[in-house]
């Protein structure tokens, strides 16, 4: 059985998908972009601010699901420019304390709403 997770602390979906789906003890969070959930505006003040907004959006969904960053087991980072990897990695890493999740980072030609970073995660509910 699956449960749809919805929170106002992350941007509303811009298509036919859910912010997150809980199924069989796992939480699958859709890719989050640097959109401010209260205004819907895209953060464009630099890659660090963009990455921080993405992580805050993920945090809002995790909190709604009743878990934290320590329960993320897999993440995927999408960047439009691999030259921003170090800055994004620094912000990303600041949200974890131990037992980092498995991860890949890939450069893509474009992302929704012309953002520079998108992150999706899978967490375990334990």
PDB file of N, CA and C in Angstrom:
ATOM      1  N   UNK A   1       0.843  -1.181   0.000  1.00  0.00           N
ATOM      2  CA  UNK A   1       0.000   0.000   0.000  1.00  0.00           C
ATOM      3  C   UNK A   1       0.886   1.241   0.000  1.00  0.00           C
ATOM      4  N   UNK A   2       0.447   2.274  -0.685  1.00  0.00           N
ATOM      5  CA  UNK A   2       1.234   3.490  -0.713  1.00  0.00           C
ATOM      6  C   UNK A   2       0.463   4.649  -0.099  1.00  0.00           C
ATOM      7  N   UNK A   3       1.248   5.596   0.422  1.00  0.00           N
ATOM      8  CA  UNK A   3       0.684   6.788   1.045  1.00  0.00           C
ATOM      9  C   UNK A   3       1.349   7.996   0.388  1.00  0.00           C
ATOM     10  N   UNK A   4       0.546   8.942  -0.028  1.00  0.00           N
ATOM     11  CA  UNK A   4       1.057  10.155  -0.639  1.00  0.00           C
ATOM     12  C   UNK A   4       1.376  11.162   0.467  1.00  0.00           C
ATOM     13  N   UNK A   5       2.578  11.726   0.415  1.00  0.00           N
ATOM     14  CA  UNK A   5       2.996  12.728   1.395  1.00  0.00           C
ATOM     15  C   UNK A   5       2.866  14.109   0.746  1.00  0.00           C
ATOM     16  N   UNK A   6       2.197  15.017   1.445  1.00  0.00           N
ATOM     17  CA  UNK A   6       1.976  16.374   0.943  1.00  0.00           C
ATOM     18  C   UNK A   6       2.264  17.362   2.073  1.00  0.00           C
ATOM     19  N   UNK A   7       3.015  18.403   1.770  1.00  0.00           N
ATOM     20  CA  UNK A   7       3.291  19.446   2.749  1.00  0.00           C
ATOM     21  C   UNK A   7       3.330  20.805   2.065  1.00  0.00           C
ATOM     22  N   UNK A   8       2.964  21.826   2.809  1.00  0.00           N
ATOM     23  CA  UNK A   8       3.079  23.199   2.310  1.00  0.00           C
ATOM     24  C   UNK A   8       4.499  23.716   2.487  1.00  0.00           C
ATOM     25  N   UNK A   9       5.363  22.930   3.141  1.00  0.00           N
ATOM     26  CA  UNK A   9       6.749  23.326   3.384  1.00  0.00           C
ATOM     27  C   UNK A   9       7.694  22.913   2.260  1.00  0.00           C
ATOM     28  N   UNK A  10       7.128  22.529   1.142  1.00  0.00           N
ATOM     29  CA  UNK A  10       7.881  22.238  -0.084  1.00  0.00           C
ATOM     30  C   UNK A  10       7.003  22.681  -1.246  1.00  0.00           C
ATOM     31  N   UNK A  11       7.614  22.977  -2.382  1.00  0.00           N
ATOM     32  CA  UNK A  11       6.814  23.449  -3.518  1.00  0.00           C
ATOM     33  C   UNK A  11       5.774  22.426  -3.972  1.00  0.00           C
ATOM     34  N   UNK A  12       4.642  22.927  -4.385  1.00  0.00           N
ATOM     35  CA  UNK A  12       3.611  22.056  -4.951  1.00  0.00           C
ATOM     36  C   UNK A  12       4.130  21.482  -6.270  1.00  0.00           C
ATOM     37  N   UNK A  13       3.755  20.261  -6.592  1.00  0.00           N
ATOM     38  CA  UNK A  13       4.182  19.670  -7.871  1.00  0.00           C
ATOM     39  C   UNK A  13       3.761  20.536  -9.055  1.00  0.00           C
ATOM     40  N   UNK A  14       4.618  20.548 -10.084  1.00  0.00           N
ATOM     41  CA  UNK A  14       4.309  21.311 -11.298  1.00  0.00           C
ATOM     42  C   UNK A  14       3.874  20.384 -12.432  1.00  0.00           C
ATOM     43  N   UNK A  15       3.488  19.183 -12.072  1.00  0.00           N
ATOM     44  CA  UNK A  15       3.051  18.201 -13.056  1.00  0.00           C
ATOM     45  C   UNK A  15       2.310  17.072 -12.365  1.00  0.00           C
ATOM     46  N   UNK A  16       2.042  15.994 -13.087  1.00  0.00           N
ATOM     47  CA  UNK A  16       1.290  14.865 -12.529  1.00  0.00           C
ATOM     48  C   UNK A  16       2.189  13.932 -11.705  1.00  0.00           C
ATOM     49  N   UNK A  17       2.642  14.420 -10.561  1.00  0.00           N
ATOM     50  CA  UNK A  17       3.448  13.614  -9.640  1.00  0.00           C
ATOM     51  C   UNK A  17       3.196  14.107  -8.223  1.00  0.00           C
ATOM     52  N   UNK A  18       3.655  13.338  -7.240  1.00  0.00           N
ATOM     53  CA  UNK A  18       3.503  13.690  -5.830  1.00  0.00           C
ATOM     54  C   UNK A  18       4.824  14.201  -5.278  1.00  0.00           C
ATOM     55  N   UNK A  19       4.761  15.012  -4.226  1.00  0.00           N
ATOM     56  CA  UNK A  19       5.988  15.443  -3.567  1.00  0.00           C
ATOM     57  C   UNK A  19       6.766  14.222  -3.087  1.00  0.00           C
ATOM     58  N   UNK A  20       6.048  13.274  -2.508  1.00  0.00           N
ATOM     59  CA  UNK A  20       6.684  12.052  -2.021  1.00  0.00           C
ATOM     60  C   UNK A  20       5.647  10.943  -1.912  1.00  0.00           C
ATOM     61  N   UNK A  21       6.148   9.714  -1.983  1.00  0.00           N
ATOM     62  CA  UNK A  21       5.298   8.539  -1.823  1.00  0.00           C
ATOM     63  C   UNK A  21       5.975   7.607  -0.827  1.00  0.00           C
ATOM     64  N   UNK A  22       5.199   7.181   0.161  1.00  0.00           N
ATOM     65  CA  UNK A  22       5.675   6.199   1.135  1.00  0.00           C
ATOM     66  C   UNK A  22       5.123   4.838   0.721  1.00  0.00           C
ATOM     67  N   UNK A  23       6.003   3.838   0.651  1.00  0.00           N
ATOM     68  CA  UNK A  23       5.569   2.491   0.276  1.00  0.00           C
ATOM     69  C   UNK A  23       6.525   1.462   0.868  1.00  0.00           C
ATOM     70  N   UNK A  24       5.966   0.442   1.514  1.00  0.00           N
ATOM     71  CA  UNK A  24       6.742  -0.682   2.037  1.00  0.00           C
ATOM     72  C   UNK A  24       7.947  -0.257   2.869  1.00  0.00           C
ATOM     73  N   UNK A  25       7.782   0.749   3.700  1.00  0.00           N
ATOM     74  CA  UNK A  25       8.849   1.189   4.586  1.00  0.00           C
ATOM     75  C   UNK A  25       9.844   2.150   3.965  1.00  0.00           C
ATOM     76  N   UNK A  26       9.609   2.546   2.724  1.00  0.00           N
ATOM     77  CA  UNK A  26      10.491   3.489   2.040  1.00  0.00           C
ATOM     78  C   UNK A  26       9.747   4.780   1.749  1.00  0.00           C
ATOM     79  N   UNK A  27      10.503   5.861   1.658  1.00  0.00           N
ATOM     80  CA  UNK A  27       9.954   7.146   1.257  1.00  0.00           C
ATOM     81  C   UNK A  27      10.702   7.585   0.009  1.00  0.00           C
ATOM     82  N   UNK A  28       9.973   7.802  -1.064  1.00  0.00           N
ATOM     83  CA  UNK A  28      10.536   8.235  -2.342  1.00  0.00           C
ATOM     84  C   UNK A  28      10.152   9.698  -2.534  1.00  0.00           C
ATOM     85  N   UNK A  29      11.149  10.586  -2.484  1.00  0.00           N
ATOM     86  CA  UNK A  29      10.876  12.015  -2.627  1.00  0.00           C
ATOM     87  C   UNK A  29      11.237  12.448  -4.043  1.00  0.00           C
ATOM     88  N   UNK A  30      10.277  13.056  -4.700  1.00  0.00           N
ATOM     89  CA  UNK A  30      10.490  13.562  -6.058  1.00  0.00           C
ATOM     90  C   UNK A  30      11.566  14.630  -6.053  1.00  0.00           C
ATOM     91  N   UNK A  31      12.181  14.823  -7.210  1.00  0.00           N
ATOM     92  CA  UNK A  31      13.215  15.837  -7.350  1.00  0.00           C
ATOM     93  C   UNK A  31      12.725  17.199  -6.907  1.00  0.00           C
ATOM     94  N   UNK A  32      13.506  17.834  -6.057  1.00  0.00           N
ATOM     95  CA  UNK A  32      13.176  19.163  -5.559  1.00  0.00           C
ATOM     96  C   UNK A  32      14.072  20.186  -6.235  1.00  0.00           C
ATOM     97  N   UNK A  33      13.467  21.288  -6.630  1.00  0.00           N
ATOM     98  CA  UNK A  33      14.190  22.387  -7.262  1.00  0.00           C
ATOM     99  C   UNK A  33      14.189  23.574  -6.293  1.00  0.00           C
ATOM    100  N   UNK A  34      14.985  24.600  -6.559  1.00  0.00           N
ATOM    101  CA  UNK A  34      15.057  25.732  -5.628  1.00  0.00           C
ATOM    102  C   UNK A  34      13.884  26.703  -5.741  1.00  0.00           C
ATOM    103  N   UNK A  35      12.702  26.196  -5.483  1.00  0.00           N
ATOM    104  CA  UNK A  35      11.501  27.033  -5.485  1.00  0.00           C
ATOM    105  C   UNK A  35      11.083  27.275  -4.046  1.00  0.00           C
ATOM    106  N   UNK A  36      10.819  28.517  -3.723  1.00  0.00           N
ATOM    107  CA  UNK A  36      10.342  28.881  -2.394  1.00  0.00           C
ATOM    108  C   UNK A  36       8.905  28.386  -2.265  1.00  0.00           C
ATOM    109  N   UNK A  37       8.615  27.522  -1.281  1.00  0.00           N
ATOM    110  CA  UNK A  37       7.258  26.966  -1.194  1.00  0.00           C
ATOM    111  C   UNK A  37       6.175  27.988  -0.875  1.00  0.00           C
ATOM    112  N   UNK A  38       6.533  29.071  -0.201  1.00  0.00           N
ATOM    113  CA  UNK A  38       5.499  30.048   0.150  1.00  0.00           C
ATOM    114  C   UNK A  38       5.135  30.957  -1.018  1.00  0.00           C
ATOM    115  N   UNK A  39       6.115  31.299  -1.839  1.00  0.00           N
ATOM    116  CA  UNK A  39       5.839  32.217  -2.948  1.00  0.00           C
ATOM    117  C   UNK A  39       5.795  31.535  -4.313  1.00  0.00           C
ATOM    118  N   UNK A  40       6.429  30.365  -4.407  1.00  0.00           N
ATOM    119  CA  UNK A  40       6.525  29.687  -5.691  1.00  0.00           C
ATOM    120  C   UNK A  40       7.649  30.231  -6.554  1.00  0.00           C
ATOM    121  N   UNK A  41       8.322  31.285  -6.078  1.00  0.00           N
ATOM    122  CA  UNK A  41       9.408  31.910  -6.835  1.00  0.00           C
ATOM    123  C   UNK A  41      10.662  31.037  -6.808  1.00  0.00           C
ATOM    124  N   UNK A  42      11.387  31.023  -7.913  1.00  0.00           N
ATOM    125  CA  UNK A  42      12.640  30.292  -8.010  1.00  0.00           C
ATOM    126  C   UNK A  42      13.762  31.132  -7.395  1.00  0.00           C
ATOM    127  N   UNK A  43      14.562  30.519  -6.533  1.00  0.00           N
ATOM    128  CA  UNK A  43      15.721  31.186  -5.946  1.00  0.00           C
ATOM    129  C   UNK A  43      16.792  31.284  -7.031  1.00  0.00           C
ATOM    130  N   UNK A  44      17.263  32.493  -7.283  1.00  0.00           N
ATOM    131  CA  UNK A  44      18.254  32.716  -8.340  1.00  0.00           C
ATOM    132  C   UNK A  44      19.456  33.512  -7.844  1.00  0.00           C
ATOM    133  N   UNK A  45      19.658  33.549  -6.532  1.00  0.00           N
ATOM    134  CA  UNK A  45      20.710  34.391  -5.950  1.00  0.00           C
ATOM    135  C   UNK A  45      22.063  33.694  -5.833  1.00  0.00           C
ATOM    136  N   UNK A  46      22.242  32.612  -6.557  1.00  0.00           N
ATOM    137  CA  UNK A  46      23.525  31.909  -6.539  1.00  0.00           C
ATOM    138  C   UNK A  46      23.352  30.441  -6.212  1.00  0.00           C
ATOM    139  N   UNK A  47      24.299  29.630  -6.650  1.00  0.00           N
ATOM    140  CA  UNK A  47      24.170  28.180  -6.529  1.00  0.00           C
ATOM    141  C   UNK A  47      24.095  27.716  -5.078  1.00  0.00           C
ATOM    142  N   UNK A  48      24.788  28.382  -4.161  1.00  0.00           N
ATOM    143  CA  UNK A  48      24.705  27.985  -2.749  1.00  0.00           C
ATOM    144  C   UNK A  48      23.284  28.196  -2.213  1.00  0.00           C
ATOM    145  N   UNK A  49      22.694  29.349  -2.511  1.00  0.00           N
ATOM    146  CA  UNK A  49      21.324  29.620  -2.071  1.00  0.00           C
ATOM    147  C   UNK A  49      20.342  28.661  -2.732  1.00  0.00           C
ATOM    148  N   UNK A  50      20.588  28.343  -3.992  1.00  0.00           N
ATOM    149  CA  UNK A  50      19.718  27.400  -4.697  1.00  0.00           C
ATOM    150  C   UNK A  50      19.791  26.028  -4.039  1.00  0.00           C
ATOM    151  N   UNK A  51      21.008  25.562  -3.760  1.00  0.00           N
ATOM    152  CA  UNK A  51      21.180  24.253  -3.128  1.00  0.00           C
ATOM    153  C   UNK A  51      20.544  24.239  -1.737  1.00  0.00           C
ATOM    154  N   UNK A  52      20.709  25.322  -1.001  1.00  0.00           N
ATOM    155  CA  UNK A  52      20.121  25.398   0.344  1.00  0.00           C
ATOM    156  C   UNK A  52      18.596  25.318   0.261  1.00  0.00           C
ATOM    157  N   UNK A  53      17.984  26.004  -0.715  1.00  0.00           N
ATOM    158  CA  UNK A  53      16.523  25.952  -0.852  1.00  0.00           C
ATOM    159  C   UNK A  53      16.064  24.544  -1.201  1.00  0.00           C
ATOM    160  N   UNK A  54      16.810  23.868  -2.072  1.00  0.00           N
ATOM    161  CA  UNK A  54      16.482  22.484  -2.416  1.00  0.00           C
ATOM    162  C   UNK A  54      16.516  21.613  -1.162  1.00  0.00           C
ATOM    163  N   UNK A  55      17.559  21.762  -0.358  1.00  0.00           N
ATOM    164  CA  UNK A  55      17.676  20.951   0.858  1.00  0.00           C
ATOM    165  C   UNK A  55      16.583  21.293   1.860  1.00  0.00           C
ATOM    166  N   UNK A  56      16.201  22.554   1.955  1.00  0.00           N
ATOM    167  CA  UNK A  56      15.104  22.942   2.847  1.00  0.00           C
ATOM    168  C   UNK A  56      13.779  22.354   2.360  1.00  0.00           C
ATOM    169  N   UNK A  57      13.592  22.286   1.049  1.00  0.00           N
ATOM    170  CA  UNK A  57      12.383  21.666   0.509  1.00  0.00           C
ATOM    171  C   UNK A  57      12.349  20.183   0.857  1.00  0.00           C
ATOM    172  N   UNK A  58      13.497  19.512   0.707  1.00  0.00           N
ATOM    173  CA  UNK A  58      13.575  18.100   1.102  1.00  0.00           C
ATOM    174  C   UNK A  58      13.288  17.946   2.591  1.00  0.00           C
ATOM    175  N   UNK A  59      13.838  18.846   3.396  1.00  0.00           N
ATOM    176  CA  UNK A  59      13.621  18.812   4.849  1.00  0.00           C
ATOM    177  C   UNK A  59      12.136  18.907   5.188  1.00  0.00           C
ATOM    178  N   UNK A  60      11.420  19.809   4.513  1.00  0.00           N
ATOM    179  CA  UNK A  60       9.984  19.955   4.764  1.00  0.00           C
ATOM    180  C   UNK A  60       9.225  18.674   4.505  1.00  0.00           C
ATOM    181  N   UNK A  61       9.590  17.972   3.454  1.00  0.00           N
ATOM    182  CA  UNK A  61       8.919  16.706   3.124  1.00  0.00           C
ATOM    183  C   UNK A  61       9.303  15.629   4.133  1.00  0.00           C
ATOM    184  N   UNK A  62      10.580  15.561   4.475  1.00  0.00           N
ATOM    185  CA  UNK A  62      11.023  14.574   5.475  1.00  0.00           C
ATOM    186  C   UNK A  62      10.286  14.777   6.799  1.00  0.00           C
ATOM    187  N   UNK A  63      10.189  16.021   7.240  1.00  0.00           N
ATOM    188  CA  UNK A  63       9.489  16.314   8.498  1.00  0.00           C
ATOM    189  C   UNK A  63       8.028  15.881   8.411  1.00  0.00           C
ATOM    190  N   UNK A  64       7.381  16.193   7.289  1.00  0.00           N
ATOM    191  CA  UNK A  64       5.977  15.787   7.115  1.00  0.00           C
ATOM    192  C   UNK A  64       5.830  14.270   7.201  1.00  0.00           C
ATOM    193  N   UNK A  65       6.837  13.545   6.728  1.00  0.00           N
ATOM    194  CA  UNK A  65       6.814  12.073   6.768  1.00  0.00           C
ATOM    195  C   UNK A  65       7.261  11.524   8.120  1.00  0.00           C
ATOM    196  N   UNK A  66       7.726  12.399   9.012  1.00  0.00           N
ATOM    197  CA  UNK A  66       8.116  11.970  10.349  1.00  0.00           C
ATOM    198  C   UNK A  66       9.523  11.399  10.445  1.00  0.00           C
ATOM    199  N   UNK A  67      10.404  11.785   9.528  1.00  0.00           N
ATOM    200  CA  UNK A  67      11.782  11.295   9.564  1.00  0.00           C
ATOM    201  C   UNK A  67      12.750  12.445   9.297  1.00  0.00           C
ATOM    202  N   UNK A  68      14.052  12.129   9.319  1.00  0.00           N
ATOM    203  CA  UNK A  68      15.058  13.159   9.104  1.00  0.00           C
ATOM    204  C   UNK A  68      16.075  12.749   8.057  1.00  0.00           C
ATOM    205  N   UNK A  69      17.057  13.602   7.862  1.00  0.00           N
ATOM    206  CA  UNK A  69      18.087  13.363   6.859  1.00  0.00           C
ATOM    207  C   UNK A  69      18.881  12.085   7.129  1.00  0.00           C
ATOM    208  N   UNK A  70      18.990  11.690   8.404  1.00  0.00           N
ATOM    209  CA  UNK A  70      19.755  10.491   8.736  1.00  0.00           C
ATOM    210  C   UNK A  70      19.108   9.213   8.201  1.00  0.00           C
ATOM    211  N   UNK A  71      17.889   9.301   7.742  1.00  0.00           N
ATOM    212  CA  UNK A  71      17.212   8.124   7.200  1.00  0.00           C
ATOM    213  C   UNK A  71      17.222   8.080   5.669  1.00  0.00           C
ATOM    214  N   UNK A  72      17.880   9.043   5.049  1.00  0.00           N
ATOM    215  CA  UNK A  72      18.039   9.002   3.591  1.00  0.00           C
ATOM    216  C   UNK A  72      19.085   7.949   3.253  1.00  0.00           C
ATOM    217  N   UNK A  73      18.746   7.053   2.343  1.00  0.00           N
ATOM    218  CA  UNK A  73      19.681   5.996   1.958  1.00  0.00           C
ATOM    219  C   UNK A  73      20.244   6.181   0.550  1.00  0.00           C
ATOM    220  N   UNK A  74      19.601   7.027  -0.267  1.00  0.00           N
ATOM    221  CA  UNK A  74      20.037   7.205  -1.652  1.00  0.00           C
ATOM    222  C   UNK A  74      19.619   8.590  -2.116  1.00  0.00           C
ATOM    223  N   UNK A  75      20.514   9.271  -2.805  1.00  0.00           N
ATOM    224  CA  UNK A  75      20.157  10.568  -3.376  1.00  0.00           C
ATOM    225  C   UNK A  75      20.748  10.694  -4.774  1.00  0.00           C
ATOM    226  N   UNK A  76      20.106  11.522  -5.553  1.00  0.00           N
ATOM    227  CA  UNK A  76      20.586  11.839  -6.896  1.00  0.00           C
ATOM    228  C   UNK A  76      20.589  13.351  -7.028  1.00  0.00           C
ATOM    229  N   UNK A  77      21.742  13.884  -7.419  1.00  0.00           N
ATOM    230  CA  UNK A  77      21.874  15.319  -7.642  1.00  0.00           C
ATOM    231  C   UNK A  77      22.022  15.551  -9.137  1.00  0.00           C
ATOM    232  N   UNK A  78      21.197  16.443  -9.653  1.00  0.00           N
ATOM    233  CA  UNK A  78      21.256  16.836 -11.054  1.00  0.00           C
ATOM    234  C   UNK A  78      21.754  18.278 -11.117  1.00  0.00           C
ATOM    235  N   UNK A  79      22.804  18.517 -11.886  1.00  0.00           N
ATOM    236  CA  UNK A  79      23.367  19.849 -12.051  1.00  0.00           C
ATOM    237  C   UNK A  79      23.410  20.211 -13.533  1.00  0.00           C
ATOM    238  N   UNK A  80      23.188  21.476 -13.842  1.00  0.00           N
ATOM    239  CA  UNK A  80      23.340  21.910 -15.234  1.00  0.00           C
ATOM    240  C   UNK A  80      24.784  22.280 -15.537  1.00  0.00           C
ATOM    241  N   UNK A  81      25.613  22.405 -14.490  1.00  0.00           N
ATOM    242  CA  UNK A  81      27.021  22.740 -14.678  1.00  0.00           C
ATOM    243  C   UNK A  81      27.839  22.044 -13.598  1.00  0.00           C
ATOM    244  N   UNK A  82      28.631  21.062 -13.971  1.00  0.00           N
ATOM    245  CA  UNK A  82      29.418  20.311 -13.007  1.00  0.00           C
ATOM    246  C   UNK A  82      30.440  21.198 -12.296  1.00  0.00           C
ATOM    247  N   UNK A  83      30.707  22.387 -12.839  1.00  0.00           N
ATOM    248  CA  UNK A  83      31.625  23.316 -12.177  1.00  0.00           C
ATOM    249  C   UNK A  83      31.064  23.809 -10.840  1.00  0.00           C
ATOM    250  N   UNK A  84      29.755  23.653 -10.608  1.00  0.00           N
ATOM    251  CA  UNK A  84      29.135  24.074  -9.349  1.00  0.00           C
ATOM    252  C   UNK A  84      29.112  22.955  -8.312  1.00  0.00           C
ATOM    253  N   UNK A  85      29.675  21.807  -8.669  1.00  0.00           N
ATOM    254  CA  UNK A  85      29.614  20.629  -7.791  1.00  0.00           C
ATOM    255  C   UNK A  85      30.135  20.920  -6.385  1.00  0.00           C
ATOM    256  N   UNK A  86      31.286  21.545  -6.247  1.00  0.00           N
ATOM    257  CA  UNK A  86      31.883  21.771  -4.930  1.00  0.00           C
ATOM    258  C   UNK A  86      30.968  22.603  -4.029  1.00  0.00           C
ATOM    259  N   UNK A  87      30.361  23.653  -4.575  1.00  0.00           N
ATOM    260  CA  UNK A  87      29.475  24.484  -3.767  1.00  0.00           C
ATOM    261  C   UNK A  87      28.211  23.733  -3.360  1.00  0.00           C
ATOM    262  N   UNK A  88      27.620  23.005  -4.303  1.00  0.00           N
ATOM    263  CA  UNK A  88      26.420  22.223  -3.989  1.00  0.00           C
ATOM    264  C   UNK A  88      26.762  21.136  -2.977  1.00  0.00           C
ATOM    265  N   UNK A  89      27.894  20.467  -3.165  1.00  0.00           N
ATOM    266  CA  UNK A  89      28.316  19.396  -2.269  1.00  0.00           C
ATOM    267  C   UNK A  89      28.511  19.918  -0.844  1.00  0.00           C
ATOM    268  N   UNK A  90      29.059  21.124  -0.707  1.00  0.00           N
ATOM    269  CA  UNK A  90      29.260  21.715   0.618  1.00  0.00           C
ATOM    270  C   UNK A  90      27.922  21.929   1.333  1.00  0.00           C
ATOM    271  N   UNK A  91      26.956  22.516   0.635  1.00  0.00           N
ATOM    272  CA  UNK A  91      25.634  22.746   1.231  1.00  0.00           C
ATOM    273  C   UNK A  91      24.952  21.410   1.520  1.00  0.00           C
ATOM    274  N   UNK A  92      24.948  20.512   0.564  1.00  0.00           N
ATOM    275  CA  UNK A  92      24.347  19.181   0.720  1.00  0.00           C
ATOM    276  C   UNK A  92      24.921  18.494   1.957  1.00  0.00           C
ATOM    277  N   UNK A  93      26.241  18.469   2.062  1.00  0.00           N
ATOM    278  CA  UNK A  93      26.904  17.781   3.169  1.00  0.00           C
ATOM    279  C   UNK A  93      26.582  18.362   4.528  1.00  0.00           C
ATOM    280  N   UNK A  94      26.253  19.642   4.586  1.00  0.00           N
ATOM    281  CA  UNK A  94      25.954  20.277   5.869  1.00  0.00           C
ATOM    282  C   UNK A  94      24.635  19.792   6.480  1.00  0.00           C
ATOM    283  N   UNK A  95      23.820  19.116   5.714  1.00  0.00           N
ATOM    284  CA  UNK A  95      22.543  18.607   6.216  1.00  0.00           C
ATOM    285  C   UNK A  95      22.650  17.187   6.782  1.00  0.00           C
ATOM    286  N   UNK A  96      23.813  16.582   6.674  1.00  0.00           N
ATOM    287  CA  UNK A  96      24.029  15.225   7.167  1.00  0.00           C
ATOM    288  C   UNK A  96      25.080  15.247   8.266  1.00  0.00           C
ATOM    289  N   UNK A  97      24.942  14.346   9.238  1.00  0.00           N
ATOM    290  CA  UNK A  97      25.925  14.266  10.312  1.00  0.00           C
ATOM    291  C   UNK A  97      26.765  12.996  10.213  1.00  0.00           C
ATOM    292  N   UNK A  98      26.139  11.881   9.983  1.00  0.00           N
ATOM    293  CA  UNK A  98      26.854  10.606   9.865  1.00  0.00           C
ATOM    294  C   UNK A  98      26.142   9.725   8.857  1.00  0.00           C
ATOM    295  N   UNK A  99      26.771   8.639   8.535  1.00  0.00           N
ATOM    296  CA  UNK A  99      26.177   7.616   7.660  1.00  0.00           C
ATOM    297  C   UNK A  99      25.578   8.245   6.398  1.00  0.00           C
ATOM    298  N   UNK A 100      26.453   8.847   5.606  1.00  0.00           N
ATOM    299  CA  UNK A 100      25.998   9.500   4.386  1.00  0.00           C
ATOM    300  C   UNK A 100      25.309   8.500   3.457  1.00  0.00           C
ATOM    301  N   UNK A 101      24.295   8.951   2.724  1.00  0.00           N
ATOM    302  CA  UNK A 101      23.604   8.047   1.795  1.00  0.00           C
ATOM    303  C   UNK A 101      24.452   7.751   0.559  1.00  0.00           C
ATOM    304  N   UNK A 102      24.088   6.705  -0.139  1.00  0.00           N
ATOM    305  CA  UNK A 102      24.651   6.457  -1.464  1.00  0.00           C
ATOM    306  C   UNK A 102      24.184   7.605  -2.360  1.00  0.00           C
ATOM    307  N   UNK A 103      25.002   7.931  -3.383  1.00  0.00           N
ATOM    308  CA  UNK A 103      24.638   9.097  -4.183  1.00  0.00           C
ATOM    309  C   UNK A 103      25.329   9.058  -5.531  1.00  0.00           C
ATOM    310  N   UNK A 104      24.678   9.665  -6.514  1.00  0.00           N
ATOM    311  CA  UNK A 104      25.350  10.004  -7.755  1.00  0.00           C
ATOM    312  C   UNK A 104      25.003  11.445  -8.078  1.00  0.00           C
ATOM    313  N   UNK A 105      25.930  12.087  -8.799  1.00  0.00           N
ATOM    314  CA  UNK A 105      25.729  13.449  -9.261  1.00  0.00           C
ATOM    315  C   UNK A 105      25.960  13.442 -10.762  1.00  0.00           C
ATOM    316  N   UNK A 106      24.991  13.980 -11.490  1.00  0.00           N
ATOM    317  CA  UNK A 106      25.100  13.979 -12.949  1.00  0.00           C
ATOM    318  C   UNK A 106      24.847  15.376 -13.496  1.00  0.00           C
ATOM    319  N   UNK A 107      25.532  15.685 -14.571  1.00  0.00           N
ATOM    320  CA  UNK A 107      25.280  16.935 -15.281  1.00  0.00           C
ATOM    321  C   UNK A 107      24.239  16.666 -16.358  1.00  0.00           C
ATOM    322  N   UNK A 108      23.276  17.566 -16.443  1.00  0.00           N
ATOM    323  CA  UNK A 108      22.198  17.434 -17.421  1.00  0.00           C
ATOM    324  C   UNK A 108      22.146  18.697 -18.283  1.00  0.00           C
ATOM    325  N   UNK A 109      21.518  18.588 -19.425  1.00  0.00           N
ATOM    326  CA  UNK A 109      21.426  19.730 -20.342  1.00  0.00           C
ATOM    327  C   UNK A 109      20.513  20.828 -19.803  1.00  0.00           C
ATOM    328  N   UNK A 110      19.435  20.440 -19.127  1.00  0.00           N
ATOM    329  CA  UNK A 110      18.482  21.418 -18.609  1.00  0.00           C
ATOM    330  C   UNK A 110      17.642  20.770 -17.511  1.00  0.00           C
ATOM    331  N   UNK A 111      17.061  21.625 -16.674  1.00  0.00           N
ATOM    332  CA  UNK A 111      16.180  21.179 -15.594  1.00  0.00           C
ATOM    333  C   UNK A 111      14.890  21.996 -15.645  1.00  0.00           C
ATOM    334  N   UNK A 112      13.824  21.512 -14.984  1.00  0.00           N
ATOM    335  CA  UNK A 112      12.559  22.254 -14.984  1.00  0.00           C
ATOM    336  C   UNK A 112      12.741  23.701 -14.521  1.00  0.00           C
ATOM    337  N   UNK A 113      12.020  24.590 -15.148  1.00  0.00           N
ATOM    338  CA  UNK A 113      12.025  26.022 -14.834  1.00  0.00           C
ATOM    339  C   UNK A 113      13.418  26.639 -14.957  1.00  0.00           C
ATOM    340  N   UNK A 114      14.272  25.983 -15.734  1.00  0.00           N
ATOM    341  CA  UNK A 114      15.637  26.469 -15.989  1.00  0.00           C
ATOM    342  C   UNK A 114      16.475  26.651 -14.729  1.00  0.00           C
ATOM    343  N   UNK A 115      16.234  25.804 -13.706  1.00  0.00           N
ATOM    344  CA  UNK A 115      17.035  25.870 -12.484  1.00  0.00           C
ATOM    345  C   UNK A 115      18.390  25.213 -12.726  1.00  0.00           C
ATOM    346  N   UNK A 116      19.288  25.377 -11.776  1.00  0.00           N
ATOM    347  CA  UNK A 116      20.642  24.845 -11.898  1.00  0.00           C
ATOM    348  C   UNK A 116      20.883  23.568 -11.114  1.00  0.00           C
ATOM    349  N   UNK A 117      19.968  23.243 -10.187  1.00  0.00           N
ATOM    350  CA  UNK A 117      20.152  22.063  -9.354  1.00  0.00           C
ATOM    351  C   UNK A 117      18.789  21.455  -9.007  1.00  0.00           C
ATOM    352  N   UNK A 118      18.762  20.133  -8.963  1.00  0.00           N
ATOM    353  CA  UNK A 118      17.582  19.371  -8.534  1.00  0.00           C
ATOM    354  C   UNK A 118      18.100  18.156  -7.789  1.00  0.00           C
ATOM    355  N   UNK A 119      17.442  17.798  -6.687  1.00  0.00           N
ATOM    356  CA  UNK A 119      17.859  16.640  -5.898  1.00  0.00           C
ATOM    357  C   UNK A 119      16.637  15.797  -5.570  1.00  0.00           C
ATOM    358  N   UNK A 120      16.765  14.483  -5.771  1.00  0.00           N
ATOM    359  CA  UNK A 120      15.736  13.535  -5.342  1.00  0.00           C
ATOM    360  C   UNK A 120      16.374  12.571  -4.350  1.00  0.00           C
ATOM    361  N   UNK A 121      15.562  12.019  -3.450  1.00  0.00           N
ATOM    362  CA  UNK A 121      16.089  11.095  -2.445  1.00  0.00           C
ATOM    363  C   UNK A 121      15.141   9.930  -2.191  1.00  0.00           C
ATOM    364  N   UNK A 122      15.727   8.881  -1.649  1.00  0.00           N
ATOM    365  CA  UNK A 122      14.976   7.741  -1.133  1.00  0.00           C
ATOM    366  C   UNK A 122      15.391   7.586   0.335  1.00  0.00           C
ATOM    367  N   UNK A 123      14.418   7.451   1.211  1.00  0.00           N
ATOM    368  CA  UNK A 123      14.682   7.289   2.641  1.00  0.00           C
ATOM    369  C   UNK A 123      13.995   6.033   3.135  1.00  0.00           C
ATOM    370  N   UNK A 124      14.450   5.558   4.270  1.00  0.00           N
ATOM    371  CA  UNK A 124      13.849   4.400   4.890  1.00  0.00           C
ATOM    372  C   UNK A 124      13.131   4.847   6.153  1.00  0.00           C
ATOM    373  N   UNK A 125      11.955   4.351   6.367  1.00  0.00           N
ATOM    374  CA  UNK A 125      11.187   4.696   7.561  1.00  0.00           C
ATOM    375  C   UNK A 125      11.422   3.593   8.586  1.00  0.00           C
ATOM    376  N   UNK A 126      12.251   3.908   9.586  1.00  0.00           N
ATOM    377  CA  UNK A 126      12.550   2.891  10.595  1.00  0.00           C
ATOM    378  C   UNK A 126      12.324   3.412  11.982  1.00  0.00           C
TER     379      UNK A 126
END
